C-alpha atoms as a PDB file:
ATOM      1  CA  UNK A   1       0.000   0.000   0.000  1.00  0.00           C
ATOM      2  CA  UNK A   2       2.904   2.403   0.666  1.00  0.00           C
ATOM      3  CA  UNK A   3       4.043   1.757  -2.911  1.00  0.00           C
ATOM      4  CA  UNK A   4       0.540   2.591  -4.152  1.00  0.00           C
ATOM      5  CA  UNK A   5       0.458   5.889  -2.280  1.00  0.00           C
ATOM      6  CA  UNK A   6       3.918   6.820  -3.594  1.00  0.00           C
ATOM      7  CA  UNK A   7       2.654   6.248  -7.120  1.00  0.00           C
ATOM      8  CA  UNK A   8      -0.347   8.472  -6.441  1.00  0.00           C
ATOM      9  CA  UNK A   9       1.868  11.294  -5.263  1.00  0.00           C
ATOM     10  CA  UNK A  10       4.122  10.872  -8.273  1.00  0.00           C
ATOM     11  CA  UNK A  11       1.155  10.908 -10.626  1.00  0.00           C
ATOM     12  CA  UNK A  12      -0.925  13.702  -9.234  1.00  0.00           C
ATOM     13  CA  UNK A  13       0.892  16.046  -6.869  1.00  0.00           C
ATOM     14  CA  UNK A  14       1.374  18.800  -7.741  1.00  0.00           C
ATOM     15  CA  UNK A  15      -0.691  19.116 -10.912  1.00  0.00           C
ATOM     16  CA  UNK A  16       1.029  20.259 -14.106  1.00  0.00           C
ATOM     17  CA  UNK A  17       4.529  20.553 -12.646  1.00  0.00           C
ATOM     18  CA  UNK A  18       5.827  17.514 -14.505  1.00  0.00           C
ATOM     19  CA  UNK A  19       3.965  17.848 -17.791  1.00  0.00           C
ATOM     20  CA  UNK A  20       5.962  16.286 -20.568  1.00  0.00           C
ATOM     21  CA  UNK A  21       4.649  18.859 -23.034  1.00  0.00           C
ATOM     22  CA  UNK A  22       1.624  18.233 -25.257  1.00  0.00           C
ATOM     23  CA  UNK A  23       1.248  14.523 -25.841  1.00  0.00           C
ATOM     24  CA  UNK A  24       0.290  13.695 -29.428  1.00  0.00           C
ATOM     25  CA  UNK A  25      -3.265  12.441 -29.662  1.00  0.00           C
ATOM     26  CA  UNK A  26      -3.267   8.667 -30.068  1.00  0.00           C
ATOM     27  CA  UNK A  27      -5.351   5.643 -29.190  1.00  0.00           C
ATOM     28  CA  UNK A  28      -8.466   7.718 -29.775  1.00  0.00           C
ATOM     29  CA  UNK A  29      -7.636  10.316 -27.125  1.00  0.00           C
ATOM     30  CA  UNK A  30      -8.892  13.856 -27.762  1.00  0.00           C
ATOM     31  CA  UNK A  31      -6.317  16.637 -27.622  1.00  0.00           C
ATOM     32  CA  UNK A  32      -5.830  18.426 -24.310  1.00  0.00           C
ATOM     33  CA  UNK A  33      -7.629  21.545 -25.486  1.00  0.00           C
ATOM     34  CA  UNK A  34     -10.637  19.469 -26.554  1.00  0.00           C
ATOM     35  CA  UNK A  35     -11.243  18.075 -23.046  1.00  0.00           C
ATOM     36  CA  UNK A  36     -14.143  19.671 -21.158  1.00  0.00           C
ATOM     37  CA  UNK A  37     -14.630  19.675 -17.392  1.00  0.00           C
ATOM     38  CA  UNK A  38     -18.166  18.794 -16.240  1.00  0.00           C
ATOM     39  CA  UNK A  39     -19.597  19.509 -19.671  1.00  0.00           C
ATOM     40  CA  UNK A  40     -23.419  19.564 -19.715  1.00  0.00           C
ATOM     41  CA  UNK A  41     -25.213  17.194 -22.062  1.00  0.00           C
ATOM     42  CA  UNK A  42     -27.585  18.275 -24.815  1.00  0.00           C
ATOM     43  CA  UNK A  43     -30.567  18.296 -22.445  1.00  0.00           C
ATOM     44  CA  UNK A  44     -28.950  20.364 -19.736  1.00  0.00           C
ATOM     45  CA  UNK A  45     -27.143  22.917 -21.902  1.00  0.00           C
ATOM     46  CA  UNK A  46     -30.272  24.866 -22.958  1.00  0.00           C
ATOM     47  CA  UNK A  47     -31.477  24.995 -19.347  1.00  0.00           C
ATOM     48  CA  UNK A  48     -28.172  26.474 -18.183  1.00  0.00           C
ATOM     49  CA  UNK A  49     -28.108  29.013 -20.995  1.00  0.00           C
ATOM     50  CA  UNK A  50     -31.659  30.080 -20.120  1.00  0.00           C
ATOM     51  CA  UNK A  51     -30.808  30.264 -16.420  1.00  0.00           C
ATOM     52  CA  UNK A  52     -27.894  32.563 -17.249  1.00  0.00           C
ATOM     53  CA  UNK A  53     -30.492  34.863 -18.807  1.00  0.00           C
ATOM     54  CA  UNK A  54     -32.711  34.626 -15.722  1.00  0.00           C
ATOM     55  CA  UNK A  55     -35.199  32.187 -17.264  1.00  0.00           C
ATOM     56  CA  UNK A  56     -36.060  29.248 -15.003  1.00  0.00           C
ATOM     57  CA  UNK A  57     -38.610  27.511 -17.214  1.00  0.00           C
ATOM     58  CA  UNK A  58     -36.255  25.193 -19.178  1.00  0.00           C
ATOM     59  CA  UNK A  59     -34.704  23.974 -15.916  1.00  0.00           C
ATOM     60  CA  UNK A  60     -38.169  23.503 -14.427  1.00  0.00           C
ATOM     61  CA  UNK A  61     -39.307  21.485 -17.450  1.00  0.00           C
ATOM     62  CA  UNK A  62     -36.169  19.365 -17.418  1.00  0.00           C
ATOM     63  CA  UNK A  63     -36.500  18.444 -13.749  1.00  0.00           C
ATOM     64  CA  UNK A  64     -40.237  17.839 -14.129  1.00  0.00           C
ATOM     65  CA  UNK A  65     -39.492  15.429 -16.973  1.00  0.00           C
ATOM     66  CA  UNK A  66     -37.072  13.433 -14.840  1.00  0.00           C
ATOM     67  CA  UNK A  67     -39.618  13.315 -12.008  1.00  0.00           C
ATOM     68  CA  UNK A  68     -42.471  12.191 -14.257  1.00  0.00           C
ATOM     69  CA  UNK A  69     -40.269   9.487 -15.792  1.00  0.00           C
ATOM     70  CA  UNK A  70     -38.879   8.450 -12.388  1.00  0.00           C
ATOM     71  CA  UNK A  71     -35.420   8.833 -13.931  1.00  0.00           C
ATOM     72  CA  UNK A  72     -33.774   9.390 -10.596  1.00  0.00           C
ATOM     73  CA  UNK A  73     -30.151   9.079 -11.737  1.00  0.00           C
ATOM     74  CA  UNK A  74     -30.539  11.764 -14.406  1.00  0.00           C
ATOM     75  CA  UNK A  75     -32.577  13.848 -11.971  1.00  0.00           C
ATOM     76  CA  UNK A  76     -29.859  13.740  -9.329  1.00  0.00           C
ATOM     77  CA  UNK A  77     -27.108  14.537 -11.829  1.00  0.00           C
ATOM     78  CA  UNK A  78     -29.144  17.393 -13.333  1.00  0.00           C
ATOM     79  CA  UNK A  79     -29.814  18.744  -9.851  1.00  0.00           C
ATOM     80  CA  UNK A  80     -26.105  18.776  -9.046  1.00  0.00           C
ATOM     81  CA  UNK A  81     -25.316  20.804 -12.162  1.00  0.00           C
ATOM     82  CA  UNK A  82     -28.147  23.282 -11.544  1.00  0.00           C
ATOM     83  CA  UNK A  83     -27.016  23.732  -7.959  1.00  0.00           C
ATOM     84  CA  UNK A  84     -23.419  24.313  -9.088  1.00  0.00           C
ATOM     85  CA  UNK A  85     -24.729  27.065 -11.357  1.00  0.00           C
ATOM     86  CA  UNK A  86     -27.068  28.539  -8.745  1.00  0.00           C
ATOM     87  CA  UNK A  87     -24.228  28.673  -6.227  1.00  0.00           C
ATOM     88  CA  UNK A  88     -22.828  31.660  -8.109  1.00  0.00           C
ATOM     89  CA  UNK A  89     -26.052  33.067  -9.516  1.00  0.00           C
ATOM     90  CA  UNK A  90     -29.412  32.151  -8.040  1.00  0.00           C
ATOM     91  CA  UNK A  91     -31.620  34.974  -9.312  1.00  0.00           C
ATOM     92  CA  UNK A  92     -33.360  32.568 -11.702  1.00  0.00           C
ATOM     93  CA  UNK A  93     -34.119  30.260  -8.762  1.00  0.00           C
ATOM     94  CA  UNK A  94     -35.539  33.166  -6.780  1.00  0.00           C
ATOM     95  CA  UNK A  95     -37.834  33.937  -9.695  1.00  0.00           C
ATOM     96  CA  UNK A  96     -38.870  30.292  -9.966  1.00  0.00           C
ATOM     97  CA  UNK A  97     -39.742  30.055  -6.275  1.00  0.00           C
ATOM     98  CA  UNK A  98     -41.691  33.294  -6.491  1.00  0.00           C
ATOM     99  CA  UNK A  99     -43.691  32.053  -9.481  1.00  0.00           C
ATOM    100  CA  UNK A 100     -44.274  28.526  -8.124  1.00  0.00           C
ATOM    101  CA  UNK A 101     -43.565  28.394  -4.373  1.00  0.00           C
ATOM    102  CA  UNK A 102     -44.882  24.837  -4.025  1.00  0.00           C
ATOM    103  CA  UNK A 103     -43.140  23.367  -7.083  1.00  0.00           C
ATOM    104  CA  UNK A 104     -41.417  20.150  -5.914  1.00  0.00           C
ATOM    105  CA  UNK A 105     -38.536  20.707  -8.326  1.00  0.00           C
ATOM    106  CA  UNK A 106     -37.930  24.292  -7.215  1.00  0.00           C
ATOM    107  CA  UNK A 107     -38.057  23.191  -3.584  1.00  0.00           C
ATOM    108  CA  UNK A 108     -35.556  20.438  -4.347  1.00  0.00           C
ATOM    109  CA  UNK A 109     -33.097  22.873  -5.943  1.00  0.00           C
ATOM    110  CA  UNK A 110     -33.549  25.269  -3.017  1.00  0.00           C
ATOM    111  CA  UNK A 111     -32.837  22.522  -0.483  1.00  0.00           C
ATOM    112  CA  UNK A 112     -29.858  21.138  -2.397  1.00  0.00           C
ATOM    113  CA  UNK A 113     -28.341  24.598  -2.790  1.00  0.00           C
ATOM    114  CA  UNK A 114     -28.752  25.269   0.933  1.00  0.00           C
ATOM    115  CA  UNK A 115     -27.105  21.934   1.770  1.00  0.00           C
ATOM    116  CA  UNK A 116     -24.158  22.674  -0.499  1.00  0.00           C
ATOM    117  CA  UNK A 117     -23.645  26.144   0.934  1.00  0.00           C
ATOM    118  CA  UNK A 118     -23.853  24.787   4.460  1.00  0.00           C
ATOM    119  CA  UNK A 119     -21.261  22.094   3.732  1.00  0.00           C
ATOM    120  CA  UNK A 120     -18.907  24.764   2.401  1.00  0.00           C
ATOM    121  CA  UNK A 121     -19.025  26.633   5.709  1.00  0.00           C
ATOM    122  CA  UNK A 122     -16.430  25.953   8.435  1.00  0.00           C
ATOM    123  CA  UNK A 123     -19.425  25.729  10.790  1.00  0.00           C
ATOM    124  CA  UNK A 124     -21.195  23.254   8.527  1.00  0.00           C
ATOM    125  CA  UNK A 125     -22.748  21.181  11.316  1.00  0.00           C
ATOM    126  CA  UNK A 126     -24.585  24.188  12.739  1.00  0.00           C
ATOM    127  CA  UNK A 127     -25.619  25.518   9.337  1.00  0.00           C
ATOM    128  CA  UNK A 128     -26.806  22.114   8.170  1.00  0.00           C
ATOM    129  CA  UNK A 129     -29.151  21.877  11.139  1.00  0.00           C
ATOM    130  CA  UNK A 130     -30.829  25.083   9.972  1.00  0.00           C
ATOM    131  CA  UNK A 131     -31.570  23.685   6.481  1.00  0.00           C
ATOM    132  CA  UNK A 132     -33.314  20.564   7.765  1.00  0.00           C
ATOM    133  CA  UNK A 133     -36.808  22.066   7.210  1.00  0.00           C
ATOM    134  CA  UNK A 134     -35.953  22.797   3.559  1.00  0.00           C
ATOM    135  CA  UNK A 135     -35.087  19.137   2.983  1.00  0.00           C
ATOM    136  CA  UNK A 136     -38.288  18.071   4.722  1.00  0.00           C
ATOM    137  CA  UNK A 137     -40.316  20.418   2.488  1.00  0.00           C
ATOM    138  CA  UNK A 138     -38.699  18.986  -0.656  1.00  0.00           C
ATOM    139  CA  UNK A 139     -39.362  15.426   0.506  1.00  0.00           C
ATOM    140  CA  UNK A 140     -42.985  16.213   1.304  1.00  0.00           C
ATOM    141  CA  UNK A 141     -43.521  17.855  -2.087  1.00  0.00           C
ATOM    142  CA  UNK A 142     -41.976  14.943  -4.008  1.00  0.00           C
ATOM    143  CA  UNK A 143     -43.392  11.943  -2.239  1.00  0.00           C
ATOM    144  CA  UNK A 144     -41.918   9.278  -4.540  1.00  0.00           C
ATOM    145  CA  UNK A 145     -38.618  11.047  -5.147  1.00  0.00           C
ATOM    146  CA  UNK A 146     -35.521   9.495  -3.481  1.00  0.00           C
ATOM    147  CA  UNK A 147     -33.336  12.547  -4.165  1.00  0.00           C
ATOM    148  CA  UNK A 148     -34.548  14.608  -1.162  1.00  0.00           C
ATOM    149  CA  UNK A 149     -33.737  11.590   0.969  1.00  0.00           C
ATOM    150  CA  UNK A 150     -30.243  11.520  -0.508  1.00  0.00           C
ATOM    151  CA  UNK A 151     -29.958  15.117   0.677  1.00  0.00           C
ATOM    152  CA  UNK A 152     -31.244  13.995   4.076  1.00  0.00           C
ATOM    153  CA  UNK A 153     -28.522  11.335   4.239  1.00  0.00           C
ATOM    154  CA  UNK A 154     -25.820  13.914   3.473  1.00  0.00           C
ATOM    155  CA  UNK A 155     -27.419  16.204   6.058  1.00  0.00           C
ATOM    156  CA  UNK A 156     -27.391  13.440   8.668  1.00  0.00           C
ATOM    157  CA  UNK A 157     -23.693  12.780   8.119  1.00  0.00           C
ATOM    158  CA  UNK A 158     -22.827  16.431   8.563  1.00  0.00           C
ATOM    159  CA  UNK A 159     -24.954  16.862  11.684  1.00  0.00           C
ATOM    160  CA  UNK A 160     -23.444  13.779  13.354  1.00  0.00           C
ATOM    161  CA  UNK A 161     -26.680  11.804  13.337  1.00  0.00           C
ATOM    162  CA  UNK A 162     -26.376   8.418  15.098  1.00  0.00           C
ATOM    163  CA  UNK A 163     -26.535   5.173  13.134  1.00  0.00           C
ATOM    164  CA  UNK A 164     -30.151   4.546  14.089  1.00  0.00           C
ATOM    165  CA  UNK A 165     -31.277   7.909  12.674  1.00  0.00           C
ATOM    166  CA  UNK A 166     -29.242   7.373   9.544  1.00  0.00           C
ATOM    167  CA  UNK A 167     -30.704   3.907   9.029  1.00  0.00           C
ATOM    168  CA  UNK A 168     -34.220   5.331   9.277  1.00  0.00           C
ATOM    169  CA  UNK A 169     -33.446   7.834   6.514  1.00  0.00           C
ATOM    170  CA  UNK A 170     -31.795   5.106   4.454  1.00  0.00           C
ATOM    171  CA  UNK A 171     -34.954   3.007   4.618  1.00  0.00           C
ATOM    172  CA  UNK A 172     -36.963   5.945   3.268  1.00  0.00           C
ATOM    173  CA  UNK A 173     -34.523   6.438   0.392  1.00  0.00           C
ATOM    174  CA  UNK A 174     -34.365   2.810  -0.757  1.00  0.00           C
ATOM    175  CA  UNK A 175     -38.127   2.398  -0.354  1.00  0.00           C
ATOM    176  CA  UNK A 176     -38.477   4.934  -3.171  1.00  0.00           C
ATOM    177  CA  UNK A 177     -35.624   3.604  -5.306  1.00  0.00           C
ATOM    178  CA  UNK A 178     -33.764   0.487  -4.141  1.00  0.00           C
ATOM    179  CA  UNK A 179     -30.738   1.113  -6.360  1.00  0.00           C
ATOM    180  CA  UNK A 180     -30.499   4.893  -6.494  1.00  0.00           C
ATOM    181  CA  UNK A 181     -26.796   5.596  -6.880  1.00  0.00           C
ATOM    182  CA  UNK A 182     -26.811   8.938  -5.070  1.00  0.00           C
ATOM    183  CA  UNK A 183     -28.355   7.444  -1.955  1.00  0.00           C
ATOM    184  CA  UNK A 184     -25.814   4.632  -2.000  1.00  0.00           C
ATOM    185  CA  UNK A 185     -22.944   7.109  -2.338  1.00  0.00           C
ATOM    186  CA  UNK A 186     -24.329   9.070   0.614  1.00  0.00           C
ATOM    187  CA  UNK A 187     -24.460   5.881   2.682  1.00  0.00           C
ATOM    188  CA  UNK A 188     -20.927   4.938   1.631  1.00  0.00           C
ATOM    189  CA  UNK A 189     -19.662   8.325   2.804  1.00  0.00           C
ATOM    190  CA  UNK A 190     -21.371   7.891   6.164  1.00  0.00           C
ATOM    191  CA  UNK A 191     -19.743   4.461   6.534  1.00  0.00           C
ATOM    192  CA  UNK A 192     -16.305   5.707   5.506  1.00  0.00           C
ATOM    193  CA  UNK A 193     -13.274   5.667   7.770  1.00  0.00           C
ATOM    194  CA  UNK A 194     -13.257   9.469   7.577  1.00  0.00           C
ATOM    195  CA  UNK A 195     -16.702   9.644   9.184  1.00  0.00           C
ATOM    196  CA  UNK A 196     -18.445   6.916  11.169  1.00  0.00           C
ATOM    197  CA  UNK A 197     -17.224   3.596   9.829  1.00  0.00           C
ATOM    198  CA  UNK A 198     -14.197   1.870   8.352  1.00  0.00           C
ATOM    199  CA  UNK A 199     -12.750   0.815   5.024  1.00  0.00           C
ATOM    200  CA  UNK A 200     -13.930  -2.730   5.624  1.00  0.00           C
ATOM    201  CA  UNK A 201     -17.503  -1.560   6.248  1.00  0.00           C
ATOM    202  CA  UNK A 202     -17.365   0.481   3.048  1.00  0.00           C
ATOM    203  CA  UNK A 203     -16.237  -2.468   0.964  1.00  0.00           C
ATOM    204  CA  UNK A 204     -18.753  -4.833   2.570  1.00  0.00           C
ATOM    205  CA  UNK A 205     -21.614  -2.410   1.905  1.00  0.00           C
ATOM    206  CA  UNK A 206     -20.487  -1.562  -1.626  1.00  0.00           C
ATOM    207  CA  UNK A 207     -19.950  -5.164  -2.692  1.00  0.00           C
ATOM    208  CA  UNK A 208     -23.342  -6.278  -1.348  1.00  0.00           C
ATOM    209  CA  UNK A 209     -25.086  -3.390  -3.080  1.00  0.00           C
ATOM    210  CA  UNK A 210     -23.366  -4.137  -6.398  1.00  0.00           C
ATOM    211  CA  UNK A 211     -24.260  -7.824  -6.152  1.00  0.00           C
ATOM    212  CA  UNK A 212     -27.910  -6.868  -5.698  1.00  0.00           C
ATOM    213  CA  UNK A 213     -28.028  -4.349  -8.566  1.00  0.00           C
ATOM    214  CA  UNK A 214     -28.425  -4.853 -12.305  1.00  0.00           C
ATOM    215  CA  UNK A 215     -25.242  -5.004 -14.366  1.00  0.00           C
ATOM    216  CA  UNK A 216     -26.038  -1.658 -16.012  1.00  0.00           C
ATOM    217  CA  UNK A 217     -26.769   0.103 -12.704  1.00  0.00           C
ATOM    218  CA  UNK A 218     -24.431   2.848 -11.524  1.00  0.00           C
ATOM    219  CA  UNK A 219     -24.325   0.985  -8.209  1.00  0.00           C
ATOM    220  CA  UNK A 220     -21.839  -1.355  -9.926  1.00  0.00           C
ATOM    221  CA  UNK A 221     -19.340   1.482  -9.440  1.00  0.00           C
ATOM    222  CA  UNK A 222     -19.835   1.621  -5.679  1.00  0.00           C
ATOM    223  CA  UNK A 223     -16.943  -0.759  -4.836  1.00  0.00           C
ATOM    224  CA  UNK A 224     -14.502   1.327  -6.871  1.00  0.00           C
ATOM    225  CA  UNK A 225     -15.573   4.369  -4.837  1.00  0.00           C
ATOM    226  CA  UNK A 226     -14.684   2.375  -1.717  1.00  0.00           C
ATOM    227  CA  UNK A 227     -11.334   1.585  -3.331  1.00  0.00           C
ATOM    228  CA  UNK A 228     -10.763   5.267  -4.067  1.00  0.00           C
ATOM    229  CA  UNK A 229     -11.419   6.192  -0.437  1.00  0.00           C
ATOM    230  CA  UNK A 230      -8.886   3.609   0.708  1.00  0.00           C
ATOM    231  CA  UNK A 231      -6.246   4.728  -1.789  1.00  0.00           C
ATOM    232  CA  UNK A 232      -6.708   8.328  -0.671  1.00  0.00           C
ATOM    233  CA  UNK A 233      -6.266   7.471   3.005  1.00  0.00           C
ATOM    234  CA  UNK A 234      -2.597   8.198   3.645  1.00  0.00           C
ATOM    235  CA  UNK A 235      -2.874   6.936   7.211  1.00  0.00           C
ATOM    236  CA  UNK A 236      -4.003   3.580   5.865  1.00  0.00           C
ATOM    237  CA  UNK A 237      -0.824   3.455   3.790  1.00  0.00           C
ATOM    238  CA  UNK A 238       1.309   3.418   6.939  1.00  0.00           C
ATOM    239  CA  UNK A 239      -0.692   1.058   9.111  1.00  0.00           C
ATOM    240  CA  UNK A 240      -2.373  -2.313   8.809  1.00  0.00           C
ATOM    241  CA  UNK A 241      -5.740  -2.071   7.065  1.00  0.00           C
ATOM    242  CA  UNK A 242      -8.202  -4.936   7.078  1.00  0.00           C
ATOM    243  CA  UNK A 243      -8.879  -4.718   3.330  1.00  0.00           C
ATOM    244  CA  UNK A 244      -6.903  -6.953   0.984  1.00  0.00           C
ATOM    245  CA  UNK A 245      -5.513  -5.348  -2.148  1.00  0.00           C
ATOM    246  CA  UNK A 246      -7.283  -7.927  -4.283  1.00  0.00           C
ATOM    247  CA  UNK A 247     -10.595  -6.322  -3.238  1.00  0.00           C
ATOM    248  CA  UNK A 248      -9.370  -3.056  -4.760  1.00  0.00           C
ATOM    249  CA  UNK A 249      -8.555  -4.807  -8.031  1.00  0.00           C
ATOM    250  CA  UNK A 250     -11.854  -6.704  -7.984  1.00  0.00           C
ATOM    251  CA  UNK A 251     -13.671  -3.378  -7.558  1.00  0.00           C
ATOM    252  CA  UNK A 252     -11.798  -1.976 -10.539  1.00  0.00           C
ATOM    253  CA  UNK A 253     -12.574  -5.078 -12.614  1.00  0.00           C
ATOM    254  CA  UNK A 254     -16.273  -4.731 -11.823  1.00  0.00           C
ATOM    255  CA  UNK A 255     -16.223  -1.082 -12.864  1.00  0.00           C
ATOM    256  CA  UNK A 256     -14.420  -2.011 -16.083  1.00  0.00           C
ATOM    257  CA  UNK A 257     -17.258  -4.414 -16.917  1.00  0.00           C
ATOM    258  CA  UNK A 258     -19.806  -1.682 -16.168  1.00  0.00           C
ATOM    259  CA  UNK A 259     -17.956   0.847 -18.310  1.00  0.00           C
ATOM    260  CA  UNK A 260     -17.793  -1.579 -21.225  1.00  0.00           C
ATOM    261  CA  UNK A 261     -21.598  -1.511 -21.486  1.00  0.00           C
ATOM    262  CA  UNK A 262     -21.642   2.138 -22.658  1.00  0.00           C
ATOM    263  CA  UNK A 263     -20.384   3.740 -25.860  1.00  0.00           C
ATOM    264  CA  UNK A 264     -17.282   5.897 -26.118  1.00  0.00           C
ATOM    265  CA  UNK A 265     -17.874   9.442 -24.888  1.00  0.00           C
ATOM    266  CA  UNK A 266     -21.189   8.690 -23.177  1.00  0.00           C
ATOM    267  CA  UNK A 267     -21.805  11.377 -20.504  1.00  0.00           C
ATOM    268  CA  UNK A 268     -23.760   9.031 -18.201  1.00  0.00           C
ATOM    269  CA  UNK A 269     -20.810   6.867 -17.050  1.00  0.00           C
ATOM    270  CA  UNK A 270     -18.271   9.710 -17.393  1.00  0.00           C
ATOM    271  CA  UNK A 271     -17.736  10.193 -13.661  1.00  0.00           C
ATOM    272  CA  UNK A 272     -17.391   6.446 -13.102  1.00  0.00           C
ATOM    273  CA  UNK A 273     -14.850   6.229 -15.906  1.00  0.00           C
ATOM    274  CA  UNK A 274     -12.868   9.181 -14.512  1.00  0.00           C
ATOM    275  CA  UNK A 275     -12.822   7.536 -11.090  1.00  0.00           C
ATOM    276  CA  UNK A 276     -11.877   4.175 -12.579  1.00  0.00           C
ATOM    277  CA  UNK A 277      -9.034   5.706 -14.604  1.00  0.00           C
ATOM    278  CA  UNK A 278      -7.622   7.186 -11.399  1.00  0.00           C
ATOM    279  CA  UNK A 279      -7.825   3.910  -9.482  1.00  0.00           C
ATOM    280  CA  UNK A 280      -6.297   1.895 -12.331  1.00  0.00           C
ATOM    281  CA  UNK A 281      -3.449   4.393 -12.620  1.00  0.00           C
ATOM    282  CA  UNK A 282      -2.881   4.185  -8.870  1.00  0.00           C
ATOM    283  CA  UNK A 283      -2.699   0.399  -9.114  1.00  0.00           C
ATOM    284  CA  UNK A 284      -0.095   0.535 -11.886  1.00  0.00           C
ATOM    285  CA  UNK A 285      -2.548  -0.737 -14.500  1.00  0.00           C
ATOM    286  CA  UNK A 286      -1.553   1.871 -17.069  1.00  0.00           C
ATOM    287  CA  UNK A 287      -2.844   0.175 -20.228  1.00  0.00           C
ATOM    288  CA  UNK A 288      -6.274  -0.354 -18.650  1.00  0.00           C
ATOM    289  CA  UNK A 289      -6.325   3.202 -17.340  1.00  0.00           C
ATOM    290  CA  UNK A 290      -5.488   4.436 -20.838  1.00  0.00           C
ATOM    291  CA  UNK A 291      -8.452   2.502 -22.221  1.00  0.00           C
ATOM    292  CA  UNK A 292     -10.752   4.262 -19.755  1.00  0.00           C
ATOM    293  CA  UNK A 293      -9.346   7.625 -20.851  1.00  0.00           C
ATOM    294  CA  UNK A 294     -10.182   6.616 -24.414  1.00  0.00           C
ATOM    295  CA  UNK A 295     -13.737   5.755 -23.395  1.00  0.00           C
ATOM    296  CA  UNK A 296     -14.060   9.018 -21.443  1.00  0.00           C
ATOM    297  CA  UNK A 297     -13.342  11.017 -24.568  1.00  0.00           C
ATOM    298  CA  UNK A 298     -13.663  14.749 -23.806  1.00  0.00           C
ATOM    299  CA  UNK A 299     -15.767  14.340 -20.625  1.00  0.00           C
ATOM    300  CA  UNK A 300     -13.500  15.027 -17.658  1.00  0.00           C
ATOM    301  CA  UNK A 301     -15.326  15.342 -14.331  1.00  0.00           C
ATOM    302  CA  UNK A 302     -14.424  17.267 -11.185  1.00  0.00           C
ATOM    303  CA  UNK A 303     -14.678  14.069  -9.158  1.00  0.00           C
ATOM    304  CA  UNK A 304     -12.210  12.538  -8.485  1.00  0.00           C
ATOM    305  CA  UNK A 305      -9.614  14.985  -9.825  1.00  0.00           C
ATOM    306  CA  UNK A 306     -10.570  17.928  -7.606  1.00  0.00           C
ATOM    307  CA  UNK A 307      -9.900  15.645  -4.610  1.00  0.00           C
ATOM    308  CA  UNK A 308      -6.392  14.695  -5.685  1.00  0.00           C
ATOM    309  CA  UNK A 309      -4.958  17.685  -7.543  1.00  0.00           C
ATOM    310  CA  UNK A 310      -4.808  21.418  -7.096  1.00  0.00           C
ATOM    311  CA  UNK A 311      -6.787  21.884 -10.277  1.00  0.00           C
ATOM    312  CA  UNK A 312      -9.189  19.227 -11.515  1.00  0.00           C
ATOM    313  CA  UNK A 313      -8.600  19.515 -15.259  1.00  0.00           C
ATOM    314  CA  UNK A 314      -4.848  19.645 -14.709  1.00  0.00           C
ATOM    315  CA  UNK A 315      -5.002  16.459 -12.642  1.00  0.00           C
ATOM    316  CA  UNK A 316      -6.980  14.712 -15.377  1.00  0.00           C
ATOM    317  CA  UNK A 317      -4.619  15.777 -18.174  1.00  0.00           C
ATOM    318  CA  UNK A 318      -1.426  15.041 -16.246  1.00  0.00           C
ATOM    319  CA  UNK A 319      -2.564  11.571 -15.273  1.00  0.00           C
ATOM    320  CA  UNK A 320      -3.754  10.844 -18.797  1.00  0.00           C
ATOM    321  CA  UNK A 321      -0.383  11.896 -20.236  1.00  0.00           C
ATOM    322  CA  UNK A 322       1.489   9.822 -17.677  1.00  0.00           C
ATOM    323  CA  UNK A 323      -0.459   6.604 -18.218  1.00  0.00           C
ATOM    324  CA  UNK A 324      -0.124   7.074 -21.977  1.00  0.00           C
ATOM    325  CA  UNK A 325       3.647   7.174 -21.631  1.00  0.00           C
ATOM    326  CA  UNK A 326       3.687   4.286 -19.150  1.00  0.00           C
ATOM    327  CA  UNK A 327       1.529   2.114 -21.400  1.00  0.00           C
ATOM    328  CA  UNK A 328       3.684   2.914 -24.419  1.00  0.00           C
ATOM    329  CA  UNK A 329       6.862   2.167 -22.442  1.00  0.00           C
ATOM    330  CA  UNK A 330       5.476  -1.161 -21.263  1.00  0.00           C
ATOM    331  CA  UNK A 331       4.557  -2.124 -24.814  1.00  0.00           C
ATOM    332  CA  UNK A 332       8.035  -1.259 -26.079  1.00  0.00           C
ATOM    333  CA  UNK A 333       9.687  -3.301 -23.324  1.00  0.00           C
ATOM    334  CA  UNK A 334       7.489  -6.352 -23.595  1.00  0.00           C
ATOM    335  CA  UNK A 335       6.247  -6.245 -27.141  1.00  0.00           C
ATOM    336  CA  UNK A 336       2.712  -6.333 -25.748  1.00  0.00           C
ATOM    337  CA  UNK A 337       0.596  -4.419 -23.212  1.00  0.00           C
ATOM    338  CA  UNK A 338       1.532  -4.686 -19.546  1.00  0.00           C
ATOM    339  CA  UNK A 339       0.652  -7.955 -17.846  1.00  0.00           C
ATOM    340  CA  UNK A 340      -1.922  -8.089 -15.092  1.00  0.00           C
ATOM    341  CA  UNK A 341       0.862  -8.983 -12.640  1.00  0.00           C
ATOM    342  CA  UNK A 342       1.864  -5.324 -12.666  1.00  0.00           C
ATOM    343  CA  UNK A 343      -1.217  -4.427 -10.643  1.00  0.00           C
ATOM    344  CA  UNK A 344       0.474  -4.653  -7.284  1.00  0.00           C
ATOM    345  CA  UNK A 345       3.098  -2.015  -8.095  1.00  0.00           C
END
């Protein structure tokens, strides 16, 4: 594990200081200047453009469509992007709430924005307690929607809710959508070693959830999120951790299978592919990481790169360039792509 953490530091810290210069595009990789960070898809783009002009209606229609179709994954992802926009400019949201104060979608955006702002405060526990009624209002307005309950799970973690309270909220979330990825991520964070659990609990929970979910469910990526948390725990690198390294590789293998079910450059699995590329690079699996970068295409995502580099896009591009060189070097040495035995290095 110490070797793994050394590789991470060599790959990602600090961003851009070891760039080898522009790497020629190869293996289907877009050029550096063609890569976009958190690019909106064709459905979200018009809503963001309209919001920039103060018009809330396209965003309202988009969220209403996801609610009517019970497309909770798209709804949660769309919400996150709208909240990121509203964080810097929320006049369109103010207008929306004024025009439709009981709109379940407007209430959801309002609650999610309040949760995000509270988390960003040094006194987040106190501020989160104050936004509890906003989450309750969003949940009451959208009775079948699991997304307010995902917010409630994040809220519970930040307010130091005991396990029994968290489990009660979890039951409400999975009752509405048994395999909602956002709710599972919220639970994984609560169970993390950084908060109220351990790396072993995270892996146990993530592996059980993935076993229970369909092969095309985003929940298949939950174990690789547990692997990421372990790889990012520098204390775990210097002490005994009750998680075998083969569980990390098994998590990556499962995510590879999930990723293979989507076309190149598909925005839906983009975050999973970005996360997977990071984990594979950390495990010394350069050729497999390079393949995920090919599948990602131009869709870099803030997570995980913002967690591991000073600048998210720089972290993405530096790691991509490094694994490209490592994969090419391995091929030149061996006459074929790196062997799976290299994973432990």
